[in-house]
PDB file of all heavy atoms in Angstrom:
ATOM      1  N   ASN A   1      10.928-157.771-146.406  1.00  0.00           N
ATOM      2  CA  ASN A   1      12.293-157.693-145.864  1.00  0.00           C
ATOM      3  C   ASN A   1      12.759-159.129-145.620  1.00  0.00           C
ATOM      4  O   ASN A   1      12.394-159.722-144.595  1.00  0.00           O
ATOM      5  CB  ASN A   1      12.270-156.887-144.555  1.00  0.00           C
ATOM      6  CG  ASN A   1      13.646-156.577-144.038  1.00  0.00           C
ATOM      7  OD1 ASN A   1      14.553-157.372-144.194  1.00  0.00           O
ATOM      8  ND2 ASN A   1      13.808-155.433-143.378  1.00  0.00           N
ATOM      9  N   LYS A   2      13.541-159.645-146.538  1.00  0.00           N
ATOM     10  CA  LYS A   2      13.898-161.062-146.441  1.00  0.00           C
ATOM     11  C   LYS A   2      15.395-161.285-146.659  1.00  0.00           C
ATOM     12  O   LYS A   2      16.050-160.587-147.408  1.00  0.00           O
ATOM     13  CB  LYS A   2      13.149-161.874-147.508  1.00  0.00           C
ATOM     14  CG  LYS A   2      11.656-162.049-147.232  1.00  0.00           C
ATOM     15  CD  LYS A   2      11.019-162.974-148.227  1.00  0.00           C
ATOM     16  CE  LYS A   2       9.546-163.217-147.916  1.00  0.00           C
ATOM     17  NZ  LYS A   2       8.916-164.171-148.871  1.00  0.00           N
ATOM     18  N   THR A   3      15.904-162.311-145.970  1.00  0.00           N
ATOM     19  CA  THR A   3      17.242-162.797-146.158  1.00  0.00           C
ATOM     20  C   THR A   3      17.192-164.271-146.528  1.00  0.00           C
ATOM     21  O   THR A   3      16.541-165.046-145.827  1.00  0.00           O
ATOM     22  CB  THR A   3      18.106-162.595-144.886  1.00  0.00           C
ATOM     23  OG1 THR A   3      18.167-161.205-144.579  1.00  0.00           O
ATOM     24  CG2 THR A   3      19.520-163.134-145.104  1.00  0.00           C
ATOM     25  N   ILE A   4      17.848-164.645-147.625  1.00  0.00           N
ATOM     26  CA  ILE A   4      17.788-166.020-148.109  1.00  0.00           C
ATOM     27  C   ILE A   4      19.182-166.585-148.252  1.00  0.00           C
ATOM     28  O   ILE A   4      20.063-165.955-148.897  1.00  0.00           O
ATOM     29  CB  ILE A   4      17.078-166.064-149.492  1.00  0.00           C
ATOM     30  CG1 ILE A   4      15.683-165.497-149.391  1.00  0.00           C
ATOM     31  CG2 ILE A   4      17.051-167.494-150.006  1.00  0.00           C
ATOM     32  CD1 ILE A   4      15.575-164.090-149.914  1.00  0.00           C
ATOM     33  N   ASP A   5      19.451-167.729-147.616  1.00  0.00           N
ATOM     34  CA  ASP A   5      20.690-168.427-147.812  1.00  0.00           C
ATOM     35  C   ASP A   5      20.676-169.105-149.177  1.00  0.00           C
ATOM     36  O   ASP A   5      19.683-169.711-149.576  1.00  0.00           O
ATOM     37  CB  ASP A   5      20.902-169.468-146.701  1.00  0.00           C
ATOM     38  CG  ASP A   5      21.140-168.819-145.340  1.00  0.00           C
ATOM     39  OD1 ASP A   5      21.493-167.637-145.317  1.00  0.00           O
ATOM     40  OD2 ASP A   5      20.983-169.541-144.342  1.00  0.00           O
ATOM     41  N   LEU A   6      21.806-169.036-149.866  1.00  0.00           N
ATOM     42  CA  LEU A   6      21.884-169.539-151.250  1.00  0.00           C
ATOM     43  C   LEU A   6      22.902-170.663-151.391  1.00  0.00           C
ATOM     44  O   LEU A   6      23.819-170.786-150.550  1.00  0.00           O
ATOM     45  CB  LEU A   6      22.260-168.402-152.193  1.00  0.00           C
ATOM     46  CG  LEU A   6      21.320-167.198-152.226  1.00  0.00           C
ATOM     47  CD1 LEU A   6      21.969-166.087-153.069  1.00  0.00           C
ATOM     48  CD2 LEU A   6      19.961-167.560-152.751  1.00  0.00           C
ATOM     49  N   ASP A   7      22.754-171.453-152.454  1.00  0.00           N
ATOM     50  CA  ASP A   7      23.782-172.417-152.816  1.00  0.00           C
ATOM     51  C   ASP A   7      25.010-171.667-153.336  1.00  0.00           C
ATOM     52  O   ASP A   7      24.919-170.497-153.713  1.00  0.00           O
ATOM     53  CB  ASP A   7      23.250-173.359-153.889  1.00  0.00           C
ATOM     54  CG  ASP A   7      22.118-174.238-153.422  1.00  0.00           C
ATOM     55  OD1 ASP A   7      22.061-174.516-152.215  1.00  0.00           O
ATOM     56  OD2 ASP A   7      21.293-174.646-154.258  1.00  0.00           O
ATOM     57  N   ASP A   8      26.131-172.371-153.343  1.00  0.00           N
ATOM     58  CA  ASP A   8      27.359-171.742-153.835  1.00  0.00           C
ATOM     59  C   ASP A   8      27.192-171.254-155.259  1.00  0.00           C
ATOM     60  O   ASP A   8      26.516-171.882-156.081  1.00  0.00           O
ATOM     61  CB  ASP A   8      28.528-172.708-153.804  1.00  0.00           C
ATOM     62  CG  ASP A   8      28.835-173.165-152.380  1.00  0.00           C
ATOM     63  OD1 ASP A   8      28.113-172.741-151.455  1.00  0.00           O
ATOM     64  OD2 ASP A   8      29.781-173.959-152.188  1.00  0.00           O
ATOM     65  N   PHE A   9      27.849-170.151-155.598  1.00  0.00           N
ATOM     66  CA  PHE A   9      27.858-169.646-156.970  1.00  0.00           C
ATOM     67  C   PHE A   9      29.183-168.980-157.212  1.00  0.00           C
ATOM     68  O   PHE A   9      29.868-168.506-156.311  1.00  0.00           O
ATOM     69  CB  PHE A   9      26.692-168.679-157.232  1.00  0.00           C
ATOM     70  CG  PHE A   9      26.604-167.546-156.254  1.00  0.00           C
ATOM     71  CD1 PHE A   9      27.387-166.381-156.389  1.00  0.00           C
ATOM     72  CD2 PHE A   9      25.721-167.608-155.163  1.00  0.00           C
ATOM     73  CE1 PHE A   9      27.294-165.336-155.483  1.00  0.00           C
ATOM     74  CE2 PHE A   9      25.639-166.568-154.263  1.00  0.00           C
ATOM     75  CZ  PHE A   9      26.419-165.435-154.410  1.00  0.00           C
ATOM     76  N   SER A  10      29.584-168.938-158.510  1.00  0.00           N
ATOM     77  CA  SER A  10      30.878-168.345-158.867  1.00  0.00           C
ATOM     78  C   SER A  10      30.725-167.170-159.830  1.00  0.00           C
ATOM     79  O   SER A  10      31.705-166.515-160.191  1.00  0.00           O
ATOM     80  CB  SER A  10      31.787-169.403-159.513  1.00  0.00           C
ATOM     81  OG  SER A  10      31.167-170.011-160.625  1.00  0.00           O
ATOM     82  N   SER A  11      29.484-166.897-160.262  1.00  0.00           N
ATOM     83  CA  SER A  11      29.195-165.753-161.114  1.00  0.00           C
ATOM     84  C   SER A  11      27.928-165.074-160.639  1.00  0.00           C
ATOM     85  O   SER A  11      27.040-165.727-160.066  1.00  0.00           O
ATOM     86  CB  SER A  11      29.041-166.170-162.582  1.00  0.00           C
ATOM     87  OG  SER A  11      30.254-166.660-163.121  1.00  0.00           O
ATOM     88  N   ILE A  12      27.816-163.770-160.900  1.00  0.00           N
ATOM     89  CA  ILE A  12      26.658-162.995-160.466  1.00  0.00           C
ATOM     90  C   ILE A  12      26.152-162.165-161.640  1.00  0.00           C
ATOM     91  O   ILE A  12      26.927-161.418-162.263  1.00  0.00           O
ATOM     92  CB  ILE A  12      26.998-162.049-159.309  1.00  0.00           C
ATOM     93  CG1 ILE A  12      27.512-162.866-158.090  1.00  0.00           C
ATOM     94  CG2 ILE A  12      25.793-161.209-158.895  1.00  0.00           C
ATOM     95  CD1 ILE A  12      28.056-162.000-156.972  1.00  0.00           C
ATOM     96  N   VAL A  13      24.858-162.275-161.935  1.00  0.00           N
ATOM     97  CA  VAL A  13      24.241-161.447-162.947  1.00  0.00           C
ATOM     98  C   VAL A  13      23.009-160.775-162.336  1.00  0.00           C
ATOM     99  O   VAL A  13      22.108-161.431-161.848  1.00  0.00           O
ATOM    100  CB  VAL A  13      23.794-162.280-164.169  1.00  0.00           C
ATOM    101  CG1 VAL A  13      23.106-161.414-165.201  1.00  0.00           C
ATOM    102  CG2 VAL A  13      25.000-162.982-164.805  1.00  0.00           C
ATOM    103  N   VAL A  14      23.026-159.437-162.344  1.00  0.00           N
ATOM    104  CA  VAL A  14      21.902-158.652-161.744  1.00  0.00           C
ATOM    105  C   VAL A  14      21.332-157.726-162.798  1.00  0.00           C
ATOM    106  O   VAL A  14      22.104-157.018-163.498  1.00  0.00           O
ATOM    107  CB  VAL A  14      22.413-157.837-160.540  1.00  0.00           C
ATOM    108  CG1 VAL A  14      21.270-156.978-159.966  1.00  0.00           C
ATOM    109  CG2 VAL A  14      22.998-158.746-159.478  1.00  0.00           C
ATOM    110  N   ASP A  15      20.012-157.713-162.944  1.00  0.00           N
ATOM    111  CA  ASP A  15      19.356-156.837-163.881  1.00  0.00           C
ATOM    112  C   ASP A  15      18.128-156.215-163.193  1.00  0.00           C
ATOM    113  O   ASP A  15      17.111-156.922-163.027  1.00  0.00           O
ATOM    114  CB  ASP A  15      18.941-157.596-165.145  1.00  0.00           C
ATOM    115  CG  ASP A  15      18.419-156.693-166.245  1.00  0.00           C
ATOM    116  OD1 ASP A  15      18.235-155.487-165.993  1.00  0.00           O
ATOM    117  OD2 ASP A  15      18.175-157.184-167.379  1.00  0.00           O
ATOM    118  N   THR A  16      18.209-154.969-162.788  1.00  0.00           N
ATOM    119  CA  THR A  16      17.139-154.346-162.030  1.00  0.00           C
ATOM    120  C   THR A  16      16.669-153.089-162.678  1.00  0.00           C
ATOM    121  O   THR A  16      17.416-152.390-163.403  1.00  0.00           O
ATOM    122  CB  THR A  16      17.579-154.026-160.573  1.00  0.00           C
ATOM    123  OG1 THR A  16      18.634-153.073-160.625  1.00  0.00           O
ATOM    124  CG2 THR A  16      18.056-155.277-159.876  1.00  0.00           C
ATOM    125  N   ASP A  17      15.429-152.709-162.373  1.00  0.00           N
ATOM    126  CA  ASP A  17      14.859-151.446-162.865  1.00  0.00           C
ATOM    127  C   ASP A  17      14.971-150.339-161.832  1.00  0.00           C
ATOM    128  O   ASP A  17      15.461-149.256-162.115  1.00  0.00           O
ATOM    129  CB  ASP A  17      13.378-151.641-163.217  1.00  0.00           C
ATOM    130  CG  ASP A  17      13.185-152.245-164.591  1.00  0.00           C
ATOM    131  OD1 ASP A  17      14.211-152.457-165.287  1.00  0.00           O
ATOM    132  OD2 ASP A  17      12.055-152.539-164.972  1.00  0.00           O
ATOM    133  N   ILE A  18      14.497-150.586-160.619  1.00  0.00           N
ATOM    134  CA  ILE A  18      14.480-149.584-159.563  1.00  0.00           C
ATOM    135  C   ILE A  18      14.982-150.232-158.281  1.00  0.00           C
ATOM    136  O   ILE A  18      14.197-150.834-157.549  1.00  0.00           O
ATOM    137  CB  ILE A  18      13.077-149.023-159.352  1.00  0.00           C
ATOM    138  CG1 ILE A  18      12.521-148.487-160.668  1.00  0.00           C
ATOM    139  CG2 ILE A  18      13.057-147.916-158.290  1.00  0.00           C
ATOM    140  CD1 ILE A  18      11.036-148.062-160.603  1.00  0.00           C
ATOM    141  N   MET A  19      16.271-150.123-158.004  1.00  0.00           N
ATOM    142  CA  MET A  19      16.788-150.825-156.825  1.00  0.00           C
ATOM    143  C   MET A  19      18.250-150.410-156.563  1.00  0.00           C
ATOM    144  O   MET A  19      19.044-150.279-157.505  1.00  0.00           O
ATOM    145  CB  MET A  19      16.743-152.333-157.064  1.00  0.00           C
ATOM    146  CG  MET A  19      17.246-153.159-155.919  1.00  0.00           C
ATOM    147  SD  MET A  19      16.772-154.912-156.108  1.00  0.00           S
ATOM    148  CE  MET A  19      15.120-154.885-155.374  1.00  0.00           C
ATOM    149  N   ASP A  20      18.557-150.164-155.303  1.00  0.00           N
ATOM    150  CA  ASP A  20      19.972-150.014-154.873  1.00  0.00           C
ATOM    151  C   ASP A  20      20.563-151.395-154.744  1.00  0.00           C
ATOM    152  O   ASP A  20      19.963-152.274-154.135  1.00  0.00           O
ATOM    153  CB  ASP A  20      20.068-149.254-153.565  1.00  0.00           C
ATOM    154  CG  ASP A  20      19.607-147.800-153.710  1.00  0.00           C
ATOM    155  OD1 ASP A  20      19.696-147.248-154.823  1.00  0.00           O
ATOM    156  OD2 ASP A  20      19.200-147.211-152.699  1.00  0.00           O
ATOM    157  N   VAL A  21      21.771-151.583-155.266  1.00  0.00           N
ATOM    158  CA  VAL A  21      22.418-152.890-155.286  1.00  0.00           C
ATOM    159  C   VAL A  21      23.747-152.843-154.554  1.00  0.00           C
ATOM    160  O   VAL A  21      24.598-151.998-154.886  1.00  0.00           O
ATOM    161  CB  VAL A  21      22.599-153.408-156.737  1.00  0.00           C
ATOM    162  CG1 VAL A  21      23.302-154.784-156.710  1.00  0.00           C
ATOM    163  CG2 VAL A  21      21.282-153.514-157.443  1.00  0.00           C
ATOM    164  N   THR A  22      23.942-153.765-153.625  1.00  0.00           N
ATOM    165  CA  THR A  22      25.234-153.900-152.954  1.00  0.00           C
ATOM    166  C   THR A  22      25.742-155.326-153.110  1.00  0.00           C
ATOM    167  O   THR A  22      24.977-156.293-152.913  1.00  0.00           O
ATOM    168  CB  THR A  22      25.107-153.592-151.444  1.00  0.00           C
ATOM    169  OG1 THR A  22      24.701-152.221-151.257  1.00  0.00           O
ATOM    170  CG2 THR A  22      26.434-153.796-150.726  1.00  0.00           C
ATOM    171  N   VAL A  23      26.992-155.464-153.492  1.00  0.00           N
ATOM    172  CA  VAL A  23      27.649-156.760-153.550  1.00  0.00           C
ATOM    173  C   VAL A  23      28.837-156.720-152.601  1.00  0.00           C
ATOM    174  O   VAL A  23      29.707-155.848-152.762  1.00  0.00           O
ATOM    175  CB  VAL A  23      28.113-157.131-154.980  1.00  0.00           C
ATOM    176  CG1 VAL A  23      28.725-158.507-155.003  1.00  0.00           C
ATOM    177  CG2 VAL A  23      26.958-157.020-155.978  1.00  0.00           C
ATOM    178  N   LYS A  24      28.852-157.614-151.631  1.00  0.00           N
ATOM    179  CA  LYS A  24      29.843-157.478-150.560  1.00  0.00           C
ATOM    180  C   LYS A  24      30.291-158.863-150.086  1.00  0.00           C
ATOM    181  O   LYS A  24      29.691-159.892-150.404  1.00  0.00           O
ATOM    182  CB  LYS A  24      29.263-156.705-149.380  1.00  0.00           C
ATOM    183  CG  LYS A  24      28.078-157.407-148.706  1.00  0.00           C
ATOM    184  CD  LYS A  24      27.574-156.610-147.499  1.00  0.00           C
ATOM    185  CE  LYS A  24      26.501-157.408-146.749  1.00  0.00           C
ATOM    186  NZ  LYS A  24      26.030-156.689-145.539  1.00  0.00           N
ATOM    187  N   THR A  25      31.339-158.865-149.256  1.00  0.00           N
ATOM    188  CA  THR A  25      31.797-160.108-148.654  1.00  0.00           C
ATOM    189  C   THR A  25      31.172-160.285-147.263  1.00  0.00           C
ATOM    190  O   THR A  25      30.783-159.290-146.609  1.00  0.00           O
ATOM    191  CB  THR A  25      33.331-160.127-148.500  1.00  0.00           C
ATOM    192  OG1 THR A  25      33.735-158.943-147.790  1.00  0.00           O
ATOM    193  CG2 THR A  25      33.986-160.173-149.830  1.00  0.00           C
ATOM    194  N   GLY A  26      31.034-161.512-146.849  1.00  0.00           N
ATOM    195  CA  GLY A  26      30.465-161.814-145.557  1.00  0.00           C
ATOM    196  C   GLY A  26      30.873-163.220-145.122  1.00  0.00           C
ATOM    197  O   GLY A  26      31.984-163.664-145.428  1.00  0.00           O
ATOM    198  N   THR A  27      29.988-163.900-144.423  1.00  0.00           N
ATOM    199  CA  THR A  27      30.323-165.227-143.920  1.00  0.00           C
ATOM    200  C   THR A  27      29.717-166.359-144.754  1.00  0.00           C
ATOM    201  O   THR A  27      30.060-167.516-144.567  1.00  0.00           O
ATOM    202  CB  THR A  27      29.830-165.345-142.459  1.00  0.00           C
ATOM    203  OG1 THR A  27      28.436-165.164-142.402  1.00  0.00           O
ATOM    204  CG2 THR A  27      30.538-164.329-141.605  1.00  0.00           C
ATOM    205  N   LYS A  28      28.771-166.035-145.656  1.00  0.00           N
ATOM    206  CA  LYS A  28      28.097-167.086-146.407  1.00  0.00           C
ATOM    207  C   LYS A  28      27.503-166.493-147.705  1.00  0.00           C
ATOM    208  O   LYS A  28      27.499-165.289-147.916  1.00  0.00           O
ATOM    209  CB  LYS A  28      26.965-167.721-145.583  1.00  0.00           C
ATOM    210  CG  LYS A  28      25.937-166.698-145.102  1.00  0.00           C
ATOM    211  CD  LYS A  28      24.940-167.356-144.176  1.00  0.00           C
ATOM    212  CE  LYS A  28      23.931-166.335-143.601  1.00  0.00           C
ATOM    213  NZ  LYS A  28      22.944-166.964-142.715  1.00  0.00           N
ATOM    214  N   TYR A  29      27.044-167.423-148.555  1.00  0.00           N
ATOM    215  CA  TYR A  29      26.323-167.017-149.749  1.00  0.00           C
ATOM    216  C   TYR A  29      24.892-166.677-149.386  1.00  0.00           C
ATOM    217  O   TYR A  29      24.148-167.545-148.889  1.00  0.00           O
ATOM    218  CB  TYR A  29      26.338-168.167-150.780  1.00  0.00           C
ATOM    219  CG  TYR A  29      27.682-168.525-151.329  1.00  0.00           C
ATOM    220  CD1 TYR A  29      28.418-169.525-150.735  1.00  0.00           C
ATOM    221  CD2 TYR A  29      28.210-167.892-152.443  1.00  0.00           C
ATOM    222  CE1 TYR A  29      29.679-169.893-151.243  1.00  0.00           C
ATOM    223  CE2 TYR A  29      29.440-168.250-152.956  1.00  0.00           C
ATOM    224  CZ  TYR A  29      30.169-169.257-152.359  1.00  0.00           C
ATOM    225  OH  TYR A  29      31.401-169.618-152.851  1.00  0.00           O
ATOM    226  N   SER A  30      24.487-165.448-149.615  1.00  0.00           N
ATOM    227  CA  SER A  30      23.148-165.069-149.257  1.00  0.00           C
ATOM    228  C   SER A  30      22.669-163.904-150.068  1.00  0.00           C
ATOM    229  O   SER A  30      23.433-163.202-150.730  1.00  0.00           O
ATOM    230  CB  SER A  30      23.052-164.707-147.759  1.00  0.00           C
ATOM    231  OG  SER A  30      23.809-163.535-147.468  1.00  0.00           O
ATOM    232  N   LEU A  31      21.336-163.675-149.984  1.00  0.00           N
ATOM    233  CA  LEU A  31      20.691-162.568-150.677  1.00  0.00           C
ATOM    234  C   LEU A  31      19.708-161.934-149.696  1.00  0.00           C
ATOM    235  O   LEU A  31      18.953-162.621-149.026  1.00  0.00           O
ATOM    236  CB  LEU A  31      19.994-163.084-151.932  1.00  0.00           C
ATOM    237  CG  LEU A  31      19.217-162.098-152.828  1.00  0.00           C
ATOM    238  CD1 LEU A  31      19.250-162.608-154.269  1.00  0.00           C
ATOM    239  CD2 LEU A  31      17.764-161.951-152.372  1.00  0.00           C
ATOM    240  N   HIS A  32      19.739-160.615-149.648  1.00  0.00           N
ATOM    241  CA  HIS A  32      18.811-159.892-148.780  1.00  0.00           C
ATOM    242  C   HIS A  32      18.164-158.779-149.581  1.00  0.00           C
ATOM    243  O   HIS A  32      18.844-158.076-150.357  1.00  0.00           O
ATOM    244  CB  HIS A  32      19.536-159.274-147.587  1.00  0.00           C
ATOM    245  CG  HIS A  32      18.673-158.398-146.744  1.00  0.00           C
ATOM    246  ND1 HIS A  32      17.824-158.862-145.776  1.00  0.00           N
ATOM    247  CD2 HIS A  32      18.522-157.038-146.722  1.00  0.00           C
ATOM    248  CE1 HIS A  32      17.181-157.877-145.196  1.00  0.00           C
ATOM    249  NE2 HIS A  32      17.585-156.741-145.742  1.00  0.00           N
ATOM    250  N   TYR A  33      16.848-158.608-149.430  1.00  0.00           N
ATOM    251  CA  TYR A  33      16.181-157.499-150.131  1.00  0.00           C
ATOM    252  C   TYR A  33      15.122-156.866-149.252  1.00  0.00           C
ATOM    253  O   TYR A  33      14.550-157.489-148.382  1.00  0.00           O
ATOM    254  CB  TYR A  33      15.590-157.928-151.479  1.00  0.00           C
ATOM    255  CG  TYR A  33      14.431-158.921-151.392  1.00  0.00           C
ATOM    256  CD1 TYR A  33      13.121-158.493-151.158  1.00  0.00           C
ATOM    257  CD2 TYR A  33      14.673-160.277-151.586  1.00  0.00           C
ATOM    258  CE1 TYR A  33      12.095-159.389-151.114  1.00  0.00           C
ATOM    259  CE2 TYR A  33      13.620-161.159-151.549  1.00  0.00           C
ATOM    260  CZ  TYR A  33      12.335-160.741-151.308  1.00  0.00           C
ATOM    261  OH  TYR A  33      11.300-161.612-151.244  1.00  0.00           O
ATOM    262  N   GLU A  34      14.914-155.593-149.480  1.00  0.00           N
ATOM    263  CA  GLU A  34      13.885-154.803-148.834  1.00  0.00           C
ATOM    264  C   GLU A  34      13.111-154.033-149.904  1.00  0.00           C
ATOM    265  O   GLU A  34      13.722-153.322-150.699  1.00  0.00           O
ATOM    266  CB  GLU A  34      14.493-153.815-147.839  1.00  0.00           C
ATOM    267  CG  GLU A  34      15.295-154.477-146.730  1.00  0.00           C
ATOM    268  CD  GLU A  34      15.964-153.464-145.822  1.00  0.00           C
ATOM    269  OE1 GLU A  34      15.558-152.278-145.842  1.00  0.00           O
ATOM    270  OE2 GLU A  34      16.931-153.814-145.132  1.00  0.00           O
ATOM    271  N   CYS A  35      11.790-154.187-149.915  1.00  0.00           N
ATOM    272  CA  CYS A  35      10.956-153.552-150.952  1.00  0.00           C
ATOM    273  C   CYS A  35       9.695-152.980-150.322  1.00  0.00           C
ATOM    274  O   CYS A  35       9.128-153.590-149.425  1.00  0.00           O
ATOM    275  CB  CYS A  35      10.577-154.521-152.052  1.00  0.00           C
ATOM    276  SG  CYS A  35      11.995-155.247-152.913  1.00  0.00           S
ATOM    277  N   SER A  36       9.244-151.834-150.837  1.00  0.00           N
ATOM    278  CA  SER A  36       8.019-151.245-150.355  1.00  0.00           C
ATOM    279  C   SER A  36       6.921-151.257-151.429  1.00  0.00           C
ATOM    280  O   SER A  36       5.826-150.706-151.222  1.00  0.00           O
ATOM    281  CB  SER A  36       8.244-149.790-149.892  1.00  0.00           C
ATOM    282  OG  SER A  36       8.743-149.009-150.967  1.00  0.00           O
ATOM    283  N   ARG A  37       7.191-151.841-152.583  1.00  0.00           N
ATOM    284  CA  ARG A  37       6.206-152.032-153.624  1.00  0.00           C
ATOM    285  C   ARG A  37       6.210-153.476-154.089  1.00  0.00           C
ATOM    286  O   ARG A  37       7.281-154.087-154.236  1.00  0.00           O
ATOM    287  CB  ARG A  37       6.517-151.107-154.820  1.00  0.00           C
ATOM    288  CG  ARG A  37       6.282-149.631-154.555  1.00  0.00           C
ATOM    289  CD  ARG A  37       4.808-149.279-154.592  1.00  0.00           C
ATOM    290  NE  ARG A  37       4.604-147.855-154.426  1.00  0.00           N
ATOM    291  CZ  ARG A  37       4.412-147.244-153.269  1.00  0.00           C
ATOM    292  NH1 ARG A  37       4.420-147.963-152.151  1.00  0.00           N
ATOM    293  NH2 ARG A  37       4.231-145.939-153.191  1.00  0.00           N
ATOM    294  N   GLU A  38       5.067-154.010-154.330  1.00  0.00           N
ATOM    295  CA  GLU A  38       4.943-155.399-154.703  1.00  0.00           C
ATOM    296  C   GLU A  38       5.725-155.701-156.004  1.00  0.00           C
ATOM    297  O   GLU A  38       6.392-156.731-156.125  1.00  0.00           O
ATOM    298  CB  GLU A  38       3.460-155.767-154.911  1.00  0.00           C
ATOM    299  CG  GLU A  38       3.217-157.245-155.152  1.00  0.00           C
ATOM    300  CD  GLU A  38       1.723-157.546-155.212  1.00  0.00           C
ATOM    301  OE1 GLU A  38       1.023-156.830-155.981  1.00  0.00           O
ATOM    302  OE2 GLU A  38       1.267-158.477-154.570  1.00  0.00           O
ATOM    303  N   SER A  39       5.660-154.764-156.936  1.00  0.00           N
ATOM    304  CA  SER A  39       6.307-154.996-158.231  1.00  0.00           C
ATOM    305  C   SER A  39       7.835-154.867-158.148  1.00  0.00           C
ATOM    306  O   SER A  39       8.513-155.165-159.113  1.00  0.00           O
ATOM    307  CB  SER A  39       5.795-154.015-159.272  1.00  0.00           C
ATOM    308  OG  SER A  39       5.992-152.691-158.870  1.00  0.00           O
ATOM    309  N   HIS A  40       8.357-154.376-157.032  1.00  0.00           N
ATOM    310  CA  HIS A  40       9.805-154.219-156.874  1.00  0.00           C
ATOM    311  C   HIS A  40      10.477-155.486-156.327  1.00  0.00           C
ATOM    312  O   HIS A  40      11.721-155.553-156.299  1.00  0.00           O
ATOM    313  CB  HIS A  40      10.126-153.058-155.930  1.00  0.00           C
ATOM    314  CG  HIS A  40       9.773-151.734-156.499  1.00  0.00           C
ATOM    315  ND1 HIS A  40       9.837-150.574-155.750  1.00  0.00           N
ATOM    316  CD2 HIS A  40       9.339-151.360-157.731  1.00  0.00           C
ATOM    317  CE1 HIS A  40       9.450-149.542-156.493  1.00  0.00           C
ATOM    318  NE2 HIS A  40       9.142-150.000-157.681  1.00  0.00           N
TER     319      HIS A  40
END
């Protein structure tokens, strides 16, 4: 269960096998994920 602050970006490319994905607005550039399997 991690949240990572990111450098600025202007494009997003996501390619996942097993994952719910949310892209939203907030206060900063960041990425958060929660996984219950190591391979996820």
